[in-house]
Every structure is written in C-alpha cells, then in structure tokens.
Amino acid sequence: MTATPVPVRFSDEQIEAIDRLVDEGVGETRSEVVRRAVERLDDDIRRARIGEEMAKSYRHQPQEELENWVWTADGKLLPEPLVIEQGIPLGDGPLRPSPGWADQE
C-alpha cells in the first residue's frame, strides 16, 4: 500500500484524544490512530448506507409476518398452509400452528 501524506490540522482537544488513544495502544503512532479512525468511519458509513437500503426495501416490500409459519420436524420454518396441505410433521420450535389448524383439512 502506498501512503500519500495529507496535511491536516487538529485542535488541542483532538491531539489530546489522539495521544490518549496511542497511549492506550489503539495505534502505535498518531498517524496509525488517524488511519484507523478513517477506516472505522468509512466502515460505519458504509454499514449505515447498507442498513438504510435494506430498510427501504422492506418498506417497499414488507417481509411476510411469521404468525402463520411453523417449525417442521426437520427444522425448517415453513408457511402453515403448506404444512397443512402437505401433512408435513411439526417440530418443537417456538412457533406452533394456530388453534384449530387440524380442523382445516
């Protein structure tokens, strides 16, 4: 990796924070602490953008409610109507069929 020098000015408080982070072992030098901070900020912003895109897609096409889903004996989570229709054995998961589901056959 090639490094390009970037002149930058910090306030006294920011220099104190950078030095404290060096003393705490976050980086061996001021430059390393600043580089790590930039990487962290970049990662945080990237993750926030991804999260917003995911939220936007769920607002556009909401995820199905799980109230009509059940665990099968082989550990799959399937829609209750499919389980009823195909007679798939149920498992012991937290989602159980709604009351009276057996009467719907």
Foldseek 3Di string as FASTA:
>chain_A
DDDDDDDDDDDPVVVVVLVVCCVVPVDVDSVVSVVVVVVVVVVVVVVVVVVVVVVVVCVVPPDDDLLQWFAACVGDIGGNVVCQVVVTHGHDDPHDHDPPSVVVD
